[in-house]
Amino acid sequence: MASLEARNLYKTYESRDGAVTALEDVSLKVTDSEFVAILGPSGCGKSTLLRILDGLTPPDRGEVLMDGKPVERPTQERGFVFQSFNLFPWRTARGNIEFGMELKGVPKSERRSAAARLIGLVGLNGFDGKYPHELSGGMQQRVGIARALAIDPAVLLMDEPFGALDAQTREDMQDELLRIWATAKKTVIFVTHSIEEAIYLSDRVIIMTPRPGRILASLDIPFERPRSEAHRTRAEFSALRHEIYSRLKNVR
């Protein structure tokens, strides 16, 4: 089991212009093996919410529970994938993937075996000895995903991981992520500001309001899996995209 629940979260930051409320009374629950997208405009608190769910940032009020137990700090039960790759430039792809296992004290032979399996899972066979500067953006993000999976987390938290990629690579990586998710069956919480990406990837889309961030709606995605490019061309896909766009536009 790997459920994650937020209860009545509030978060305020201090700025030069005074207090800024990032989150206001945010509650949500993500169930085992569910793929949930959190969607909203820039600055609405999506990334703040994700950091609180991981225990990286404490809320001012409210609580986060994982399988009913309080989340108070980052643990290896949750893996985090950032938009800005965050790879160690002095480590190879394999070395980056092995990093979390090294911290856990996993023996070298086991690390190498696990890294080889993950390199195959994310489609990087033959690139394990390459350094980040020798890899494309899409390849670097595959390393980031493999590194997050290497600690075998129950929950994968992803903060706009494809936002820095070009359009074609972004769509390719969406398909890669769905393939990996179908194999690993992790609980995934995926932050994005792309309506189409949210619909294509997820079982459910949680829509947030502009700052202060609140939950506007939670919509189940009716499309069967596995997903493919054909889903994007369906009339139902376009209708759902328009519905979500209208909701976001009308709440501004």
C-alpha atoms as a PDB file:
ATOM      1  CA  MET A   1       0.000   0.000   0.000  1.00  0.00           C
ATOM      2  CA  ALA A   2       1.126   3.584  -0.692  1.00  0.00           C
ATOM      3  CA  SER A   3      -1.511   6.236  -0.120  1.00  0.00           C
ATOM      4  CA  LEU A   4      -0.684   9.879   0.515  1.00  0.00           C
ATOM      5  CA  GLU A   5      -3.100  12.332   2.111  1.00  0.00           C
ATOM      6  CA  ALA A   6      -2.964  16.075   2.784  1.00  0.00           C
ATOM      7  CA  ARG A   7      -5.323  17.544   5.362  1.00  0.00           C
ATOM      8  CA  ASN A   8      -6.123  21.257   5.523  1.00  0.00           C
ATOM      9  CA  LEU A   9      -2.703  22.543   4.494  1.00  0.00           C
ATOM     10  CA  TYR A  10      -1.779  26.216   4.837  1.00  0.00           C
ATOM     11  CA  LYS A  11       1.528  27.775   3.856  1.00  0.00           C
ATOM     12  CA  THR A  12       2.614  31.429   3.944  1.00  0.00           C
ATOM     13  CA  TYR A  13       5.946  32.908   2.901  1.00  0.00           C
ATOM     14  CA  GLU A  14       7.473  36.235   3.835  1.00  0.00           C
ATOM     15  CA  SER A  15       8.508  38.508   0.981  1.00  0.00           C
ATOM     16  CA  ARG A  16       9.754  42.079   0.684  1.00  0.00           C
ATOM     17  CA  ASP A  17       6.139  43.118   0.105  1.00  0.00           C
ATOM     18  CA  GLY A  18       4.815  41.238   3.111  1.00  0.00           C
ATOM     19  CA  ALA A  19       3.253  37.848   3.709  1.00  0.00           C
ATOM     20  CA  VAL A  20       2.326  35.748   0.655  1.00  0.00           C
ATOM     21  CA  THR A  21      -0.154  32.909   1.135  1.00  0.00           C
ATOM     22  CA  ALA A  22       0.913  30.041  -1.128  1.00  0.00           C
ATOM     23  CA  LEU A  23      -1.618  27.424   0.018  1.00  0.00           C
ATOM     24  CA  GLU A  24      -4.972  27.825   1.725  1.00  0.00           C
ATOM     25  CA  ASP A  25      -6.890  24.889   3.217  1.00  0.00           C
ATOM     26  CA  VAL A  26      -5.649  22.280   0.724  1.00  0.00           C
ATOM     27  CA  SER A  27      -6.826  18.697   1.214  1.00  0.00           C
ATOM     28  CA  LEU A  28      -6.369  15.745  -1.136  1.00  0.00           C
ATOM     29  CA  LYS A  29      -5.840  12.002  -1.087  1.00  0.00           C
ATOM     30  CA  VAL A  30      -3.970   9.838  -3.594  1.00  0.00           C
ATOM     31  CA  THR A  31      -4.488   6.085  -3.417  1.00  0.00           C
ATOM     32  CA  ASP A  32      -2.163   3.146  -4.040  1.00  0.00           C
ATOM     33  CA  SER A  33      -0.758   2.964  -7.609  1.00  0.00           C
ATOM     34  CA  GLU A  34      -2.856   5.949  -8.699  1.00  0.00           C
ATOM     35  CA  PHE A  35      -1.413   8.452 -11.191  1.00  0.00           C
ATOM     36  CA  VAL A  36      -2.625  11.926 -10.230  1.00  0.00           C
ATOM     37  CA  ALA A  37      -1.752  15.184 -11.988  1.00  0.00           C
ATOM     38  CA  ILE A  38      -1.854  18.490 -10.124  1.00  0.00           C
ATOM     39  CA  LEU A  39      -2.652  21.247 -12.587  1.00  0.00           C
ATOM     40  CA  GLY A  40      -2.767  25.005 -12.181  1.00  0.00           C
ATOM     41  CA  PRO A  41      -1.333  28.319 -13.336  1.00  0.00           C
ATOM     42  CA  SER A  42       2.224  29.362 -12.546  1.00  0.00           C
ATOM     43  CA  GLY A  43       2.653  30.556  -8.977  1.00  0.00           C
ATOM     44  CA  CYS A  44      -0.421  28.786  -7.613  1.00  0.00           C
ATOM     45  CA  GLY A  45       1.529  26.717  -5.075  1.00  0.00           C
ATOM     46  CA  LYS A  46       1.815  23.407  -6.957  1.00  0.00           C
ATOM     47  CA  SER A  47       5.524  22.992  -6.260  1.00  0.00           C
ATOM     48  CA  THR A  48       5.088  24.131  -2.658  1.00  0.00           C
ATOM     49  CA  LEU A  49       2.389  21.500  -2.216  1.00  0.00           C
ATOM     50  CA  LEU A  50       4.658  18.802  -3.657  1.00  0.00           C
ATOM     51  CA  ARG A  51       7.503  19.779  -1.327  1.00  0.00           C
ATOM     52  CA  ILE A  52       5.161  19.611   1.656  1.00  0.00           C
ATOM     53  CA  LEU A  53       3.917  16.182   0.550  1.00  0.00           C
ATOM     54  CA  ASP A  54       7.537  14.988   0.494  1.00  0.00           C
ATOM     55  CA  GLY A  55       8.382  16.503   3.865  1.00  0.00           C
ATOM     56  CA  LEU A  56      10.914  18.924   2.329  1.00  0.00           C
ATOM     57  CA  THR A  57       8.891  21.951   3.484  1.00  0.00           C
ATOM     58  CA  PRO A  58       6.754  22.034   6.645  1.00  0.00           C
ATOM     59  CA  PRO A  59       3.204  23.426   6.421  1.00  0.00           C
ATOM     60  CA  ASP A  60       2.161  26.261   8.716  1.00  0.00           C
ATOM     61  CA  ARG A  61      -1.009  24.347   9.510  1.00  0.00           C
ATOM     62  CA  GLY A  62      -2.415  20.970   8.539  1.00  0.00           C
ATOM     63  CA  GLU A  63      -0.768  17.588   8.129  1.00  0.00           C
ATOM     64  CA  VAL A  64       0.387  15.032   5.568  1.00  0.00           C
ATOM     65  CA  LEU A  65      -0.116  11.316   6.104  1.00  0.00           C
ATOM     66  CA  MET A  66       1.439   8.405   4.218  1.00  0.00           C
ATOM     67  CA  ASP A  67      -0.430   5.178   4.838  1.00  0.00           C
ATOM     68  CA  GLY A  68      -1.908   6.869   7.902  1.00  0.00           C
ATOM     69  CA  LYS A  69       1.452   7.929   9.399  1.00  0.00           C
ATOM     70  CA  PRO A  70       2.610  11.574   9.643  1.00  0.00           C
ATOM     71  CA  VAL A  71       5.099  12.839   7.047  1.00  0.00           C
ATOM     72  CA  GLU A  72       7.559  15.131   8.815  1.00  0.00           C
ATOM     73  CA  ARG A  73      10.729  14.873   6.709  1.00  0.00           C
ATOM     74  CA  PRO A  74      11.919  13.366   3.403  1.00  0.00           C
ATOM     75  CA  THR A  75      12.379   9.602   3.496  1.00  0.00           C
ATOM     76  CA  GLN A  76      13.191   6.921   0.961  1.00  0.00           C
ATOM     77  CA  GLU A  77       9.518   5.982   0.845  1.00  0.00           C
ATOM     78  CA  ARG A  78       9.144   8.881  -1.592  1.00  0.00           C
ATOM     79  CA  GLY A  79      11.231   9.695  -4.663  1.00  0.00           C
ATOM     80  CA  PHE A  80      11.408  13.242  -6.071  1.00  0.00           C
ATOM     81  CA  VAL A  81      12.017  14.154  -9.724  1.00  0.00           C
ATOM     82  CA  PHE A  82      12.800  17.822 -10.413  1.00  0.00           C
ATOM     83  CA  GLN A  83      12.324  19.873 -13.570  1.00  0.00           C
ATOM     84  CA  SER A  84      15.959  20.956 -13.586  1.00  0.00           C
ATOM     85  CA  PHE A  85      17.438  17.428 -13.787  1.00  0.00           C
ATOM     86  CA  ASN A  86      19.731  18.061 -10.749  1.00  0.00           C
ATOM     87  CA  LEU A  87      22.273  15.463 -11.845  1.00  0.00           C
ATOM     88  CA  PHE A  88      25.790  15.436 -10.421  1.00  0.00           C
ATOM     89  CA  PRO A  89      28.003  16.551 -13.333  1.00  0.00           C
ATOM     90  CA  TRP A  90      31.028  14.587 -12.047  1.00  0.00           C
ATOM     91  CA  ARG A  91      29.105  11.299 -12.006  1.00  0.00           C
ATOM     92  CA  THR A  92      28.164   9.128 -14.962  1.00  0.00           C
ATOM     93  CA  ALA A  93      24.568   8.160 -15.630  1.00  0.00           C
ATOM     94  CA  ARG A  94      25.139   4.950 -13.685  1.00  0.00           C
ATOM     95  CA  GLY A  95      26.856   6.854 -10.868  1.00  0.00           C
ATOM     96  CA  ASN A  96      23.925   9.240 -10.555  1.00  0.00           C
ATOM     97  CA  ILE A  97      21.472   6.361 -10.449  1.00  0.00           C
ATOM     98  CA  GLU A  98      23.507   4.567  -7.784  1.00  0.00           C
ATOM     99  CA  PHE A  99      23.834   7.626  -5.523  1.00  0.00           C
ATOM    100  CA  GLY A 100      20.796   6.991  -3.309  1.00  0.00           C
ATOM    101  CA  MET A 101      21.747   3.332  -2.943  1.00  0.00           C
ATOM    102  CA  GLU A 102      25.240   4.344  -1.854  1.00  0.00           C
ATOM    103  CA  LEU A 103      23.721   6.477   0.907  1.00  0.00           C
ATOM    104  CA  LYS A 104      21.714   3.449   2.025  1.00  0.00           C
ATOM    105  CA  GLY A 105      24.886   1.362   2.198  1.00  0.00           C
ATOM    106  CA  VAL A 106      23.829  -1.041  -0.542  1.00  0.00           C
ATOM    107  CA  PRO A 107      26.787  -3.244  -1.574  1.00  0.00           C
ATOM    108  CA  LYS A 108      28.466  -2.329  -4.862  1.00  0.00           C
ATOM    109  CA  SER A 109      27.440  -5.532  -6.646  1.00  0.00           C
ATOM    110  CA  GLU A 110      23.790  -4.945  -5.763  1.00  0.00           C
ATOM    111  CA  ARG A 111      24.007  -1.280  -6.805  1.00  0.00           C
ATOM    112  CA  ARG A 112      25.440  -2.218 -10.191  1.00  0.00           C
ATOM    113  CA  SER A 113      22.766  -4.849 -10.737  1.00  0.00           C
ATOM    114  CA  ALA A 114      19.940  -2.482  -9.776  1.00  0.00           C
ATOM    115  CA  ALA A 115      21.388   0.355 -11.878  1.00  0.00           C
ATOM    116  CA  ALA A 116      21.670  -1.927 -14.916  1.00  0.00           C
ATOM    117  CA  ARG A 117      18.027  -2.935 -14.529  1.00  0.00           C
ATOM    118  CA  LEU A 118      16.900   0.695 -14.207  1.00  0.00           C
ATOM    119  CA  ILE A 119      19.023   1.824 -17.145  1.00  0.00           C
ATOM    120  CA  GLY A 120      17.195  -0.743 -19.233  1.00  0.00           C
ATOM    121  CA  LEU A 121      13.831   0.283 -17.782  1.00  0.00           C
ATOM    122  CA  VAL A 122      14.257   3.944 -18.770  1.00  0.00           C
ATOM    123  CA  GLY A 123      15.685   3.109 -22.203  1.00  0.00           C
ATOM    124  CA  LEU A 124      19.311   4.157 -21.666  1.00  0.00           C
ATOM    125  CA  ASN A 125      21.179   0.949 -22.520  1.00  0.00           C
ATOM    126  CA  GLY A 126      24.637   1.863 -23.782  1.00  0.00           C
ATOM    127  CA  PHE A 127      24.652   5.280 -22.103  1.00  0.00           C
ATOM    128  CA  ASP A 128      25.445   4.199 -18.537  1.00  0.00           C
ATOM    129  CA  GLY A 129      29.035   5.490 -18.765  1.00  0.00           C
ATOM    130  CA  LYS A 130      28.103   8.902 -20.166  1.00  0.00           C
ATOM    131  CA  TYR A 131      28.311  12.097 -18.131  1.00  0.00           C
ATOM    132  CA  PRO A 132      25.342  14.516 -17.965  1.00  0.00           C
ATOM    133  CA  HIS A 133      26.894  16.972 -20.443  1.00  0.00           C
ATOM    134  CA  GLU A 134      27.097  14.128 -22.965  1.00  0.00           C
ATOM    135  CA  LEU A 135      23.359  13.408 -22.710  1.00  0.00           C
ATOM    136  CA  SER A 136      20.380  15.201 -24.251  1.00  0.00           C
ATOM    137  CA  GLY A 137      17.768  16.819 -22.020  1.00  0.00           C
ATOM    138  CA  GLY A 138      15.429  13.880 -22.422  1.00  0.00           C
ATOM    139  CA  MET A 139      18.200  11.431 -21.546  1.00  0.00           C
ATOM    140  CA  GLN A 140      19.161  13.450 -18.482  1.00  0.00           C
ATOM    141  CA  GLN A 141      15.584  13.362 -17.240  1.00  0.00           C
ATOM    142  CA  ARG A 142      15.485   9.600 -17.777  1.00  0.00           C
ATOM    143  CA  VAL A 143      18.519   9.388 -15.497  1.00  0.00           C
ATOM    144  CA  GLY A 144      16.651  11.553 -12.974  1.00  0.00           C
ATOM    145  CA  ILE A 145      13.654   9.213 -13.053  1.00  0.00           C
ATOM    146  CA  ALA A 146      15.878   6.143 -12.707  1.00  0.00           C
ATOM    147  CA  ARG A 147      17.705   7.765  -9.769  1.00  0.00           C
ATOM    148  CA  ALA A 148      14.374   8.410  -8.029  1.00  0.00           C
ATOM    149  CA  LEU A 149      13.270   4.812  -8.653  1.00  0.00           C
ATOM    150  CA  ALA A 150      16.594   3.374  -7.465  1.00  0.00           C
ATOM    151  CA  ILE A 151      15.679   3.771  -3.802  1.00  0.00           C
ATOM    152  CA  ASP A 152      12.476   1.814  -4.563  1.00  0.00           C
ATOM    153  CA  PRO A 153      10.059   4.472  -3.278  1.00  0.00           C
ATOM    154  CA  ALA A 154       6.384   3.699  -2.875  1.00  0.00           C
ATOM    155  CA  VAL A 155       5.471   7.191  -4.129  1.00  0.00           C
ATOM    156  CA  LEU A 156       7.036   9.156  -6.979  1.00  0.00           C
ATOM    157  CA  LEU A 157       6.672  12.960  -6.779  1.00  0.00           C
ATOM    158  CA  MET A 158       7.376  14.761 -10.054  1.00  0.00           C
ATOM    159  CA  ASP A 159       7.660  18.545 -10.282  1.00  0.00           C
ATOM    160  CA  GLU A 160       7.126  19.552 -13.928  1.00  0.00           C
ATOM    161  CA  PRO A 161       9.834  17.078 -14.993  1.00  0.00           C
ATOM    162  CA  PHE A 162       9.330  17.672 -18.727  1.00  0.00           C
ATOM    163  CA  GLY A 163       8.857  21.444 -18.607  1.00  0.00           C
ATOM    164  CA  ALA A 164      12.349  22.220 -19.924  1.00  0.00           C
ATOM    165  CA  LEU A 165      12.127  19.827 -22.888  1.00  0.00           C
ATOM    166  CA  ASP A 166      11.148  20.607 -26.468  1.00  0.00           C
ATOM    167  CA  ALA A 167       7.636  19.605 -27.562  1.00  0.00           C
ATOM    168  CA  GLN A 168       8.557  16.366 -29.361  1.00  0.00           C
ATOM    169  CA  THR A 169      10.889  15.162 -26.620  1.00  0.00           C
ATOM    170  CA  ARG A 170       8.241  16.047 -24.037  1.00  0.00           C
ATOM    171  CA  GLU A 171       5.656  13.832 -25.732  1.00  0.00           C
ATOM    172  CA  ASP A 172       8.189  11.027 -26.106  1.00  0.00           C
ATOM    173  CA  MET A 173       8.998  11.266 -22.391  1.00  0.00           C
ATOM    174  CA  GLN A 174       5.314  11.180 -21.496  1.00  0.00           C
ATOM    175  CA  ASP A 175       5.019   7.838 -23.266  1.00  0.00           C
ATOM    176  CA  GLU A 176       8.218   6.614 -21.590  1.00  0.00           C
ATOM    177  CA  LEU A 177       6.877   7.602 -18.168  1.00  0.00           C
ATOM    178  CA  LEU A 178       3.610   5.742 -18.767  1.00  0.00           C
ATOM    179  CA  ARG A 179       5.555   2.663 -19.823  1.00  0.00           C
ATOM    180  CA  ILE A 180       7.722   2.862 -16.698  1.00  0.00           C
ATOM    181  CA  TRP A 181       4.686   3.455 -14.472  1.00  0.00           C
ATOM    182  CA  ALA A 182       2.877   0.450 -15.964  1.00  0.00           C
ATOM    183  CA  THR A 183       5.904  -1.681 -15.086  1.00  0.00           C
ATOM    184  CA  ALA A 184       6.806  -0.257 -11.663  1.00  0.00           C
ATOM    185  CA  LYS A 185       3.234   0.500 -10.499  1.00  0.00           C
ATOM    186  CA  LYS A 186       4.223   3.308  -8.182  1.00  0.00           C
ATOM    187  CA  THR A 187       1.852   5.912  -6.815  1.00  0.00           C
ATOM    188  CA  VAL A 188       2.627   9.051  -8.860  1.00  0.00           C
ATOM    189  CA  ILE A 189       1.842  12.704  -8.133  1.00  0.00           C
ATOM    190  CA  PHE A 190       2.779  14.779 -11.172  1.00  0.00           C
ATOM    191  CA  VAL A 191       2.797  18.592 -11.156  1.00  0.00           C
ATOM    192  CA  THR A 192       2.262  20.357 -14.474  1.00  0.00           C
ATOM    193  CA  HIS A 193       0.786  23.516 -15.971  1.00  0.00           C
ATOM    194  CA  SER A 194      -0.043  21.710 -19.250  1.00  0.00           C
ATOM    195  CA  ILE A 195      -3.695  20.681 -19.520  1.00  0.00           C
ATOM    196  CA  GLU A 196      -2.996  18.200 -22.319  1.00  0.00           C
ATOM    197  CA  GLU A 197      -0.140  16.580 -20.398  1.00  0.00           C
ATOM    198  CA  ALA A 198      -2.304  16.218 -17.289  1.00  0.00           C
ATOM    199  CA  ILE A 199      -5.131  14.546 -19.212  1.00  0.00           C
ATOM    200  CA  TYR A 200      -2.852  12.254 -21.210  1.00  0.00           C
ATOM    201  CA  LEU A 201      -0.888  10.919 -18.252  1.00  0.00           C
ATOM    202  CA  SER A 202      -3.210  10.688 -15.307  1.00  0.00           C
ATOM    203  CA  ASP A 203      -6.068   8.749 -13.783  1.00  0.00           C
ATOM    204  CA  ARG A 204      -7.264  11.943 -12.117  1.00  0.00           C
ATOM    205  CA  VAL A 205      -6.550  15.660 -12.480  1.00  0.00           C
ATOM    206  CA  ILE A 206      -6.600  17.942  -9.453  1.00  0.00           C
ATOM    207  CA  ILE A 207      -7.088  21.579 -10.495  1.00  0.00           C
ATOM    208  CA  MET A 208      -5.729  24.376  -8.324  1.00  0.00           C
ATOM    209  CA  THR A 209      -6.761  28.022  -8.217  1.00  0.00           C
ATOM    210  CA  PRO A 210      -4.378  30.952  -8.659  1.00  0.00           C
ATOM    211  CA  ARG A 211      -2.610  32.038  -5.474  1.00  0.00           C
ATOM    212  CA  PRO A 212      -3.540  31.446  -2.776  1.00  0.00           C
ATOM    213  CA  GLY A 213      -3.634  27.868  -4.024  1.00  0.00           C
ATOM    214  CA  ARG A 214      -6.794  25.948  -3.227  1.00  0.00           C
ATOM    215  CA  ILE A 215      -8.330  22.826  -4.734  1.00  0.00           C
ATOM    216  CA  LEU A 216     -10.814  23.915  -7.362  1.00  0.00           C
ATOM    217  CA  ALA A 217     -11.841  20.491  -8.676  1.00  0.00           C
ATOM    218  CA  SER A 218     -10.851  16.834  -8.957  1.00  0.00           C
ATOM    219  CA  LEU A 219     -11.712  15.222 -12.291  1.00  0.00           C
ATOM    220  CA  ASP A 220     -11.511  11.523 -13.153  1.00  0.00           C
ATOM    221  CA  ILE A 221      -9.994  10.865 -16.588  1.00  0.00           C
ATOM    222  CA  PRO A 222     -12.271   8.469 -18.485  1.00  0.00           C
ATOM    223  CA  PHE A 223      -9.768   7.123 -21.026  1.00  0.00           C
ATOM    224  CA  GLU A 224      -8.648   3.515 -20.925  1.00  0.00           C
ATOM    225  CA  ARG A 225      -5.046   2.435 -20.654  1.00  0.00           C
ATOM    226  CA  PRO A 226      -2.614   2.012 -22.263  1.00  0.00           C
ATOM    227  CA  ARG A 227      -2.718   5.543 -23.680  1.00  0.00           C
ATOM    228  CA  SER A 228      -1.478   6.372 -27.161  1.00  0.00           C
ATOM    229  CA  GLU A 229      -1.216   9.290 -29.555  1.00  0.00           C
ATOM    230  CA  ALA A 230      -4.687   8.415 -30.846  1.00  0.00           C
ATOM    231  CA  HIS A 231      -6.181   9.517 -27.524  1.00  0.00           C
ATOM    232  CA  ARG A 232      -5.058  13.095 -28.162  1.00  0.00           C
ATOM    233  CA  THR A 233      -7.150  13.277 -31.333  1.00  0.00           C
ATOM    234  CA  ARG A 234     -10.401  12.080 -29.773  1.00  0.00           C
ATOM    235  CA  ALA A 235     -13.325  14.479 -29.529  1.00  0.00           C
ATOM    236  CA  GLU A 236     -13.702  13.504 -25.856  1.00  0.00           C
ATOM    237  CA  PHE A 237     -10.083  14.500 -25.193  1.00  0.00           C
ATOM    238  CA  SER A 238     -10.638  17.924 -26.759  1.00  0.00           C
ATOM    239  CA  ALA A 239     -13.889  18.392 -24.845  1.00  0.00           C
ATOM    240  CA  LEU A 240     -12.202  17.597 -21.532  1.00  0.00           C
ATOM    241  CA  ARG A 241      -9.312  19.915 -22.341  1.00  0.00           C
ATOM    242  CA  HIS A 242     -11.795  22.707 -23.074  1.00  0.00           C
ATOM    243  CA  GLU A 243     -13.706  22.028 -19.852  1.00  0.00           C
ATOM    244  CA  ILE A 244     -10.543  22.263 -17.761  1.00  0.00           C
ATOM    245  CA  TYR A 245      -9.388  25.375 -19.615  1.00  0.00           C
ATOM    246  CA  SER A 246     -12.757  27.038 -18.971  1.00  0.00           C
ATOM    247  CA  ARG A 247     -12.602  26.202 -15.267  1.00  0.00           C
ATOM    248  CA  LEU A 248      -9.133  27.694 -14.950  1.00  0.00           C
ATOM    249  CA  LYS A 249     -10.041  30.786 -16.966  1.00  0.00           C
ATOM    250  CA  ASN A 250     -13.246  31.494 -15.046  1.00  0.00           C
ATOM    251  CA  VAL A 251     -11.587  31.348 -11.641  1.00  0.00           C
ATOM    252  CA  ARG A 252      -8.904  33.944 -12.397  1.00  0.00           C
END
